Amino acid sequence: MAVPKRKVSRTRRDKRRTHWKAKKPAISVCPNCQSPKLPHRVCKYCGFYKGKTVVEVEA
């Protein structure tokens, strides 16, 4: 079984983990009500998607 010969320092460990960041989600604008929404999803404020009202939203 492979065992490390020496302890990995905090600096070395943290250098390896620098790319583990969470990415910011892409946000587009709803063409119907101009509120922010995730791309390729129905707008949760007006229920609009691809030029049609898909979901009835309560006022």
N, C-alpha and C. Protein backbone atom coordinates (compact mmCIF):
# COMPACT_ATOMS: atom_id res chain seq x y z
N MET A 1 0.84 -1.18 0.00
CA MET A 1 0.00 0.00 0.00
C MET A 1 0.88 1.24 0.00
N ALA A 2 0.57 2.20 -0.85
CA ALA A 2 1.37 3.41 -0.96
C ALA A 2 1.08 4.34 0.21
N VAL A 3 2.14 4.78 0.86
CA VAL A 3 2.01 5.69 2.00
C VAL A 3 2.93 6.88 1.75
N PRO A 4 2.46 8.12 1.99
CA PRO A 4 3.32 9.27 1.80
C PRO A 4 4.54 9.22 2.72
N LYS A 5 5.69 9.58 2.18
CA LYS A 5 6.92 9.55 2.98
C LYS A 5 6.97 10.72 3.97
N ARG A 6 6.39 11.87 3.53
CA ARG A 6 6.39 13.06 4.39
C ARG A 6 4.99 13.69 4.40
N LYS A 7 4.75 14.48 5.43
CA LYS A 7 3.49 15.20 5.55
C LYS A 7 3.42 16.27 4.45
N VAL A 8 2.25 16.39 3.82
CA VAL A 8 2.06 17.42 2.80
C VAL A 8 1.79 18.74 3.53
N SER A 9 2.59 19.75 3.23
CA SER A 9 2.46 21.03 3.92
C SER A 9 1.15 21.72 3.56
N ARG A 10 0.73 22.66 4.40
CA ARG A 10 -0.51 23.40 4.15
C ARG A 10 -0.42 24.17 2.84
N THR A 11 0.74 24.73 2.57
CA THR A 11 0.93 25.50 1.33
C THR A 11 0.76 24.62 0.10
N ARG A 12 1.40 23.46 0.11
CA ARG A 12 1.33 22.54 -1.03
C ARG A 12 -0.09 22.04 -1.22
N ARG A 13 -0.77 21.70 -0.12
CA ARG A 13 -2.15 21.23 -0.19
C ARG A 13 -3.05 22.33 -0.75
N ASP A 14 -2.89 23.56 -0.28
CA ASP A 14 -3.73 24.66 -0.73
C ASP A 14 -3.47 25.05 -2.18
N LYS A 15 -2.23 24.91 -2.63
CA LYS A 15 -1.92 25.16 -4.04
C LYS A 15 -2.67 24.19 -4.95
N ARG A 16 -2.77 22.96 -4.52
CA ARG A 16 -3.47 21.94 -5.30
C ARG A 16 -4.97 22.24 -5.35
N ARG A 17 -5.51 22.84 -4.30
CA ARG A 17 -6.95 23.08 -4.22
C ARG A 17 -7.39 24.44 -4.76
N THR A 18 -6.50 25.20 -5.38
CA THR A 18 -6.86 26.54 -5.84
C THR A 18 -7.93 26.53 -6.92
N HIS A 19 -8.09 25.47 -7.65
CA HIS A 19 -9.04 25.42 -8.76
C HIS A 19 -10.37 24.82 -8.37
N TRP A 20 -10.62 24.61 -7.07
CA TRP A 20 -11.86 24.01 -6.60
C TRP A 20 -12.95 25.03 -6.35
N LYS A 21 -12.90 26.16 -7.01
CA LYS A 21 -13.86 27.24 -6.75
C LYS A 21 -15.22 26.93 -7.38
N ALA A 22 -16.26 27.43 -6.74
CA ALA A 22 -17.60 27.33 -7.32
C ALA A 22 -17.73 28.41 -8.39
N LYS A 23 -18.33 28.06 -9.52
CA LYS A 23 -18.48 29.02 -10.61
C LYS A 23 -19.77 29.80 -10.44
N LYS A 24 -19.74 31.05 -10.85
CA LYS A 24 -20.92 31.91 -10.78
C LYS A 24 -21.90 31.46 -11.86
N PRO A 25 -23.19 31.27 -11.51
CA PRO A 25 -24.14 30.81 -12.51
C PRO A 25 -24.38 31.86 -13.59
N ALA A 26 -24.58 31.40 -14.82
CA ALA A 26 -24.89 32.30 -15.92
C ALA A 26 -26.32 32.80 -15.74
N ILE A 27 -26.52 34.09 -15.88
CA ILE A 27 -27.86 34.67 -15.71
C ILE A 27 -28.23 35.42 -16.98
N SER A 28 -29.42 35.12 -17.48
CA SER A 28 -29.93 35.85 -18.64
C SER A 28 -31.15 36.66 -18.20
N VAL A 29 -31.71 37.42 -19.11
CA VAL A 29 -32.86 38.28 -18.80
C VAL A 29 -34.09 37.73 -19.51
N CYS A 30 -35.18 37.68 -18.81
CA CYS A 30 -36.44 37.21 -19.40
C CYS A 30 -36.90 38.23 -20.44
N PRO A 31 -37.21 37.79 -21.67
CA PRO A 31 -37.64 38.73 -22.71
C PRO A 31 -39.03 39.31 -22.45
N ASN A 32 -39.81 38.67 -21.59
CA ASN A 32 -41.16 39.12 -21.31
C ASN A 32 -41.22 40.15 -20.18
N CYS A 33 -40.59 39.84 -19.03
CA CYS A 33 -40.70 40.73 -17.87
C CYS A 33 -39.36 41.35 -17.45
N GLN A 34 -38.28 41.05 -18.16
CA GLN A 34 -36.93 41.60 -17.91
C GLN A 34 -36.39 41.30 -16.51
N SER A 35 -36.84 40.22 -15.90
CA SER A 35 -36.28 39.83 -14.61
C SER A 35 -35.16 38.81 -14.85
N PRO A 36 -34.19 38.69 -13.96
CA PRO A 36 -33.10 37.73 -14.16
C PRO A 36 -33.59 36.30 -14.02
N LYS A 37 -33.06 35.41 -14.88
CA LYS A 37 -33.43 33.99 -14.82
C LYS A 37 -32.27 33.15 -15.33
N LEU A 38 -32.30 31.88 -15.03
CA LEU A 38 -31.29 30.96 -15.54
C LEU A 38 -31.62 30.63 -16.99
N PRO A 39 -30.60 30.49 -17.85
CA PRO A 39 -30.87 30.19 -19.25
C PRO A 39 -31.49 28.81 -19.45
N HIS A 40 -32.32 28.66 -20.45
CA HIS A 40 -33.00 27.41 -20.82
C HIS A 40 -33.95 26.93 -19.74
N ARG A 41 -34.53 27.86 -18.99
CA ARG A 41 -35.50 27.52 -17.96
C ARG A 41 -36.66 28.50 -18.01
N VAL A 42 -37.81 28.06 -17.52
CA VAL A 42 -39.00 28.91 -17.48
C VAL A 42 -38.77 30.02 -16.46
N CYS A 43 -39.22 31.22 -16.78
CA CYS A 43 -39.11 32.35 -15.85
C CYS A 43 -40.05 32.10 -14.67
N LYS A 44 -39.52 32.18 -13.45
CA LYS A 44 -40.35 31.89 -12.28
C LYS A 44 -41.25 33.05 -11.89
N TYR A 45 -41.05 34.21 -12.51
CA TYR A 45 -41.88 35.37 -12.20
C TYR A 45 -43.09 35.49 -13.11
N CYS A 46 -42.92 35.13 -14.41
CA CYS A 46 -44.05 35.28 -15.33
C CYS A 46 -44.43 33.97 -16.04
N GLY A 47 -43.65 32.91 -15.91
CA GLY A 47 -43.98 31.63 -16.53
C GLY A 47 -43.76 31.58 -18.03
N PHE A 48 -42.93 32.44 -18.56
CA PHE A 48 -42.69 32.59 -19.99
C PHE A 48 -41.47 31.78 -20.41
N TYR A 49 -41.55 31.10 -21.57
CA TYR A 49 -40.39 30.37 -22.10
C TYR A 49 -40.53 30.23 -23.60
N LYS A 50 -39.51 30.61 -24.36
CA LYS A 50 -39.47 30.52 -25.82
C LYS A 50 -40.69 31.15 -26.49
N GLY A 51 -41.06 32.34 -26.03
CA GLY A 51 -42.14 33.08 -26.67
C GLY A 51 -43.54 32.64 -26.29
N LYS A 52 -43.68 31.74 -25.33
CA LYS A 52 -44.99 31.27 -24.92
C LYS A 52 -45.12 31.28 -23.41
N THR A 53 -46.35 31.42 -22.92
CA THR A 53 -46.60 31.26 -21.50
C THR A 53 -46.78 29.77 -21.24
N VAL A 54 -45.85 29.21 -20.48
CA VAL A 54 -45.83 27.77 -20.26
C VAL A 54 -46.47 27.41 -18.92
N VAL A 55 -46.24 28.25 -17.91
CA VAL A 55 -46.74 27.98 -16.56
C VAL A 55 -47.54 29.19 -16.08
N GLU A 56 -48.68 28.90 -15.47
CA GLU A 56 -49.48 29.98 -14.88
C GLU A 56 -48.89 30.29 -13.50
N VAL A 57 -48.51 31.55 -13.29
CA VAL A 57 -47.91 31.97 -12.03
C VAL A 57 -48.93 32.75 -11.22
N GLU A 58 -49.01 32.44 -9.90
CA GLU A 58 -49.93 33.17 -9.03
C GLU A 58 -49.44 34.60 -8.82
N ALA A 59 -50.35 35.53 -8.73
CA ALA A 59 -49.99 36.94 -8.57
C ALA A 59 -49.60 37.29 -7.15
